[in-house]
Amino acid sequence: MAIVLPQQFFNLVPIVGKSYYENLAGGINAAVTVNNNSDQPVELVLTRVNAPVITYTIPAFNSLTLQVHALLVAALLSTASGTTFGFIEISTSDF
């Protein structure tokens, strides 16, 4: 069964991070979509069960969708280059 969590808007000043999803009870399969509407890059940081932390840089005016196995935490981090804004949406499933 899939669960689509509410779309969350972000507005991060330079060098600020914020967690937008946490499942500390063992992880869950998920799809994560980030839409960066700003003219600065934003970093998507994913923490998974028994795996290294992965960071993806999403360039200005771009989006990224990933399917993630055993997701624990999904967070966004702004870079030193400026304020970023857009939205993140997470869908969980037992796929």
N, C-alpha and C. Protein backbone atom coordinates (compact mmCIF):
# COMPACT_ATOMS: atom_id res chain seq x y z
N MET A 1 0.84 -1.17 0.00
CA MET A 1 0.00 0.00 0.00
C MET A 1 0.89 1.25 0.00
N ALA A 2 0.55 2.20 -0.82
CA ALA A 2 1.32 3.43 -0.92
C ALA A 2 0.65 4.55 -0.14
N ILE A 3 1.46 5.41 0.43
CA ILE A 3 0.97 6.58 1.16
C ILE A 3 1.70 7.80 0.60
N VAL A 4 0.94 8.74 0.08
CA VAL A 4 1.53 9.98 -0.42
C VAL A 4 1.42 11.02 0.69
N LEU A 5 2.57 11.46 1.19
CA LEU A 5 2.58 12.45 2.25
C LEU A 5 2.30 13.83 1.66
N PRO A 6 1.80 14.76 2.45
CA PRO A 6 1.51 16.11 1.93
C PRO A 6 2.77 16.76 1.36
N GLN A 7 2.57 17.51 0.31
CA GLN A 7 3.65 18.28 -0.30
C GLN A 7 4.15 19.31 0.71
N GLN A 8 5.47 19.41 0.88
CA GLN A 8 6.05 20.34 1.84
C GLN A 8 6.89 21.37 1.09
N PHE A 9 6.61 22.63 1.33
CA PHE A 9 7.37 23.71 0.71
C PHE A 9 8.57 24.05 1.59
N PHE A 10 9.69 24.38 0.96
CA PHE A 10 10.88 24.77 1.72
C PHE A 10 11.38 26.11 1.26
N ASN A 11 11.98 26.83 2.20
CA ASN A 11 12.63 28.11 1.96
C ASN A 11 13.80 28.15 2.93
N LEU A 12 14.99 27.84 2.43
CA LEU A 12 16.17 27.68 3.28
C LEU A 12 17.18 28.78 3.00
N VAL A 13 17.55 29.51 4.03
CA VAL A 13 18.61 30.52 3.90
C VAL A 13 19.95 29.79 3.73
N PRO A 14 21.01 30.47 3.33
CA PRO A 14 22.30 29.80 3.07
C PRO A 14 22.81 28.97 4.25
N ILE A 15 23.32 27.80 3.93
CA ILE A 15 23.94 26.85 4.86
C ILE A 15 23.00 26.44 5.99
N VAL A 16 21.76 26.14 5.64
CA VAL A 16 20.77 25.66 6.61
C VAL A 16 20.21 24.35 6.08
N GLY A 17 20.05 23.39 6.98
CA GLY A 17 19.46 22.11 6.62
C GLY A 17 18.21 21.85 7.42
N LYS A 18 17.31 21.04 6.85
CA LYS A 18 16.08 20.69 7.55
C LYS A 18 15.64 19.31 7.10
N SER A 19 15.21 18.50 8.06
CA SER A 19 14.69 17.17 7.78
C SER A 19 13.22 17.28 7.40
N TYR A 20 12.82 16.58 6.34
CA TYR A 20 11.43 16.61 5.89
C TYR A 20 10.75 15.26 6.03
N TYR A 21 11.51 14.22 6.35
CA TYR A 21 10.92 12.90 6.60
C TYR A 21 11.86 12.11 7.49
N GLU A 22 11.29 11.44 8.49
CA GLU A 22 12.07 10.58 9.38
C GLU A 22 11.28 9.33 9.69
N ASN A 23 11.91 8.18 9.55
CA ASN A 23 11.34 6.90 9.94
C ASN A 23 12.44 6.16 10.66
N LEU A 24 12.47 6.29 11.95
CA LEU A 24 13.55 5.71 12.74
C LEU A 24 13.20 4.32 13.28
N ALA A 25 12.12 3.74 12.73
CA ALA A 25 11.68 2.42 13.17
C ALA A 25 12.10 1.33 12.18
N GLY A 26 13.19 1.53 11.47
CA GLY A 26 13.68 0.49 10.60
C GLY A 26 13.69 0.82 9.13
N GLY A 27 13.21 1.98 8.74
CA GLY A 27 13.24 2.39 7.34
C GLY A 27 12.05 1.88 6.55
N ILE A 28 11.78 2.52 5.43
CA ILE A 28 10.66 2.16 4.56
C ILE A 28 11.04 2.52 3.13
N ASN A 29 10.50 1.79 2.19
CA ASN A 29 10.72 2.11 0.78
C ASN A 29 9.93 3.36 0.44
N ALA A 30 10.53 4.24 -0.37
CA ALA A 30 9.89 5.52 -0.65
C ALA A 30 10.33 6.06 -2.00
N ALA A 31 9.52 6.98 -2.51
CA ALA A 31 9.89 7.78 -3.67
C ALA A 31 9.97 9.22 -3.18
N VAL A 32 11.05 9.90 -3.50
CA VAL A 32 11.28 11.27 -3.05
C VAL A 32 11.40 12.17 -4.28
N THR A 33 10.59 13.24 -4.31
CA THR A 33 10.65 14.21 -5.39
C THR A 33 10.98 15.57 -4.80
N VAL A 34 11.99 16.23 -5.37
CA VAL A 34 12.36 17.58 -4.95
C VAL A 34 12.29 18.47 -6.18
N ASN A 35 11.60 19.58 -6.06
CA ASN A 35 11.52 20.57 -7.13
C ASN A 35 12.17 21.85 -6.61
N ASN A 36 13.31 22.20 -7.20
CA ASN A 36 14.05 23.39 -6.79
C ASN A 36 13.62 24.55 -7.69
N ASN A 37 12.86 25.50 -7.16
CA ASN A 37 12.36 26.64 -7.93
C ASN A 37 13.26 27.86 -7.82
N SER A 38 14.35 27.77 -7.11
CA SER A 38 15.22 28.93 -6.88
C SER A 38 16.36 28.98 -7.90
N ASP A 39 17.10 30.06 -7.88
CA ASP A 39 18.24 30.20 -8.78
C ASP A 39 19.55 29.74 -8.14
N GLN A 40 19.44 28.99 -7.04
CA GLN A 40 20.60 28.42 -6.34
C GLN A 40 20.40 26.91 -6.20
N PRO A 41 21.47 26.12 -6.13
CA PRO A 41 21.32 24.67 -5.95
C PRO A 41 20.90 24.31 -4.53
N VAL A 42 20.28 23.15 -4.39
CA VAL A 42 19.91 22.62 -3.08
C VAL A 42 20.37 21.17 -3.04
N GLU A 43 20.73 20.68 -1.86
CA GLU A 43 21.22 19.32 -1.71
C GLU A 43 20.18 18.46 -1.01
N LEU A 44 19.90 17.30 -1.59
CA LEU A 44 19.02 16.30 -0.98
C LEU A 44 19.91 15.28 -0.30
N VAL A 45 19.72 15.10 1.00
CA VAL A 45 20.53 14.18 1.80
C VAL A 45 19.64 13.02 2.24
N LEU A 46 20.02 11.80 1.84
CA LEU A 46 19.24 10.60 2.15
C LEU A 46 20.04 9.67 3.05
N THR A 47 19.42 9.25 4.14
CA THR A 47 20.02 8.28 5.05
C THR A 47 19.20 7.01 4.94
N ARG A 48 19.88 5.87 4.70
CA ARG A 48 19.20 4.60 4.53
C ARG A 48 19.73 3.58 5.54
N VAL A 49 18.99 2.49 5.71
CA VAL A 49 19.38 1.44 6.63
C VAL A 49 20.62 0.73 6.09
N ASN A 50 21.63 0.60 6.93
CA ASN A 50 22.87 -0.12 6.60
C ASN A 50 23.49 0.31 5.28
N ALA A 51 23.48 1.60 5.02
CA ALA A 51 24.05 2.13 3.78
C ALA A 51 24.65 3.51 4.07
N PRO A 52 25.61 3.92 3.25
CA PRO A 52 26.19 5.25 3.45
C PRO A 52 25.17 6.35 3.15
N VAL A 53 25.37 7.49 3.75
CA VAL A 53 24.54 8.66 3.47
C VAL A 53 24.84 9.13 2.05
N ILE A 54 23.79 9.43 1.29
CA ILE A 54 23.95 9.87 -0.09
C ILE A 54 23.45 11.31 -0.20
N THR A 55 24.21 12.14 -0.92
CA THR A 55 23.82 13.53 -1.15
C THR A 55 23.74 13.79 -2.64
N TYR A 56 22.61 14.33 -3.08
CA TYR A 56 22.42 14.72 -4.47
C TYR A 56 22.29 16.23 -4.54
N THR A 57 22.97 16.85 -5.47
CA THR A 57 22.84 18.29 -5.69
C THR A 57 21.83 18.51 -6.81
N ILE A 58 20.80 19.30 -6.51
CA ILE A 58 19.76 19.61 -7.49
C ILE A 58 20.02 21.03 -7.96
N PRO A 59 20.39 21.20 -9.23
CA PRO A 59 20.71 22.53 -9.74
C PRO A 59 19.50 23.46 -9.73
N ALA A 60 19.77 24.74 -9.96
CA ALA A 60 18.72 25.75 -10.00
C ALA A 60 17.67 25.40 -11.06
N PHE A 61 16.42 25.63 -10.73
CA PHE A 61 15.27 25.43 -11.63
C PHE A 61 15.20 24.01 -12.18
N ASN A 62 15.53 23.01 -11.36
CA ASN A 62 15.47 21.60 -11.75
C ASN A 62 14.73 20.80 -10.70
N SER A 63 14.43 19.54 -11.04
CA SER A 63 13.79 18.64 -10.09
C SER A 63 14.48 17.28 -10.17
N LEU A 64 14.22 16.47 -9.15
CA LEU A 64 14.80 15.13 -9.08
C LEU A 64 13.80 14.23 -8.37
N THR A 65 13.58 13.03 -8.93
CA THR A 65 12.75 12.02 -8.29
C THR A 65 13.58 10.75 -8.16
N LEU A 66 13.59 10.18 -6.96
CA LEU A 66 14.35 8.96 -6.68
C LEU A 66 13.49 7.94 -5.98
N GLN A 67 13.73 6.68 -6.29
CA GLN A 67 13.14 5.58 -5.54
C GLN A 67 14.21 5.11 -4.56
N VAL A 68 13.86 5.04 -3.28
CA VAL A 68 14.85 4.76 -2.23
C VAL A 68 14.41 3.55 -1.42
N HIS A 69 15.30 2.59 -1.25
CA HIS A 69 15.03 1.40 -0.45
C HIS A 69 15.43 1.66 1.00
N ALA A 70 14.58 1.34 1.94
CA ALA A 70 14.86 1.42 3.39
C ALA A 70 15.26 2.83 3.82
N LEU A 71 14.46 3.82 3.46
CA LEU A 71 14.74 5.21 3.81
C LEU A 71 14.51 5.46 5.30
N LEU A 72 15.49 6.09 5.93
CA LEU A 72 15.36 6.52 7.32
C LEU A 72 15.07 8.01 7.41
N VAL A 73 15.88 8.84 6.72
CA VAL A 73 15.75 10.30 6.81
C VAL A 73 15.95 10.91 5.42
N ALA A 74 15.08 11.87 5.08
CA ALA A 74 15.25 12.69 3.88
C ALA A 74 15.33 14.14 4.34
N ALA A 75 16.41 14.81 3.98
CA ALA A 75 16.63 16.19 4.41
C ALA A 75 17.12 17.02 3.24
N LEU A 76 16.94 18.34 3.36
CA LEU A 76 17.45 19.28 2.37
C LEU A 76 18.45 20.20 3.03
N LEU A 77 19.48 20.59 2.25
CA LEU A 77 20.53 21.45 2.75
C LEU A 77 20.81 22.52 1.69
N SER A 78 20.75 23.78 2.11
CA SER A 78 21.08 24.85 1.17
C SER A 78 22.60 25.04 1.15
N THR A 79 23.09 25.54 0.05
CA THR A 79 24.53 25.78 -0.09
C THR A 79 24.85 27.21 0.34
N ALA A 80 26.12 27.52 0.37
CA ALA A 80 26.56 28.86 0.78
C ALA A 80 26.24 29.91 -0.27
N SER A 81 25.84 29.48 -1.47
CA SER A 81 25.63 30.43 -2.57
C SER A 81 24.34 31.24 -2.46
N GLY A 82 23.39 30.81 -1.63
CA GLY A 82 22.19 31.63 -1.48
C GLY A 82 20.98 30.86 -0.99
N THR A 83 19.88 31.59 -0.85
CA THR A 83 18.61 31.03 -0.38
C THR A 83 17.99 30.13 -1.45
N THR A 84 17.43 29.02 -1.02
CA THR A 84 16.76 28.10 -1.94
C THR A 84 15.31 27.93 -1.52
N PHE A 85 14.45 27.66 -2.50
CA PHE A 85 13.04 27.42 -2.20
C PHE A 85 12.46 26.50 -3.26
N GLY A 86 11.39 25.83 -2.91
CA GLY A 86 10.72 24.88 -3.79
C GLY A 86 9.85 23.97 -2.95
N PHE A 87 9.71 22.70 -3.39
CA PHE A 87 8.93 21.77 -2.59
C PHE A 87 9.53 20.37 -2.66
N ILE A 88 9.18 19.57 -1.64
CA ILE A 88 9.59 18.17 -1.55
C ILE A 88 8.32 17.35 -1.30
N GLU A 89 8.24 16.21 -1.97
CA GLU A 89 7.10 15.32 -1.78
C GLU A 89 7.63 13.90 -1.63
N ILE A 90 7.08 13.18 -0.66
CA ILE A 90 7.55 11.82 -0.36
C ILE A 90 6.36 10.88 -0.37
N SER A 91 6.52 9.77 -1.08
CA SER A 91 5.51 8.71 -1.12
C SER A 91 6.16 7.45 -0.56
N THR A 92 5.53 6.84 0.42
CA THR A 92 6.07 5.63 1.01
C THR A 92 5.28 4.42 0.51
N SER A 93 5.94 3.28 0.54
CA SER A 93 5.30 2.08 0.05
C SER A 93 6.04 0.86 0.58
N ASP A 94 5.40 -0.29 0.47
CA ASP A 94 6.08 -1.52 0.82
C ASP A 94 6.40 -2.29 -0.48
N PHE A 95 6.84 -1.53 -1.51
CA PHE A 95 7.20 -2.15 -2.79
C PHE A 95 8.54 -2.82 -2.71
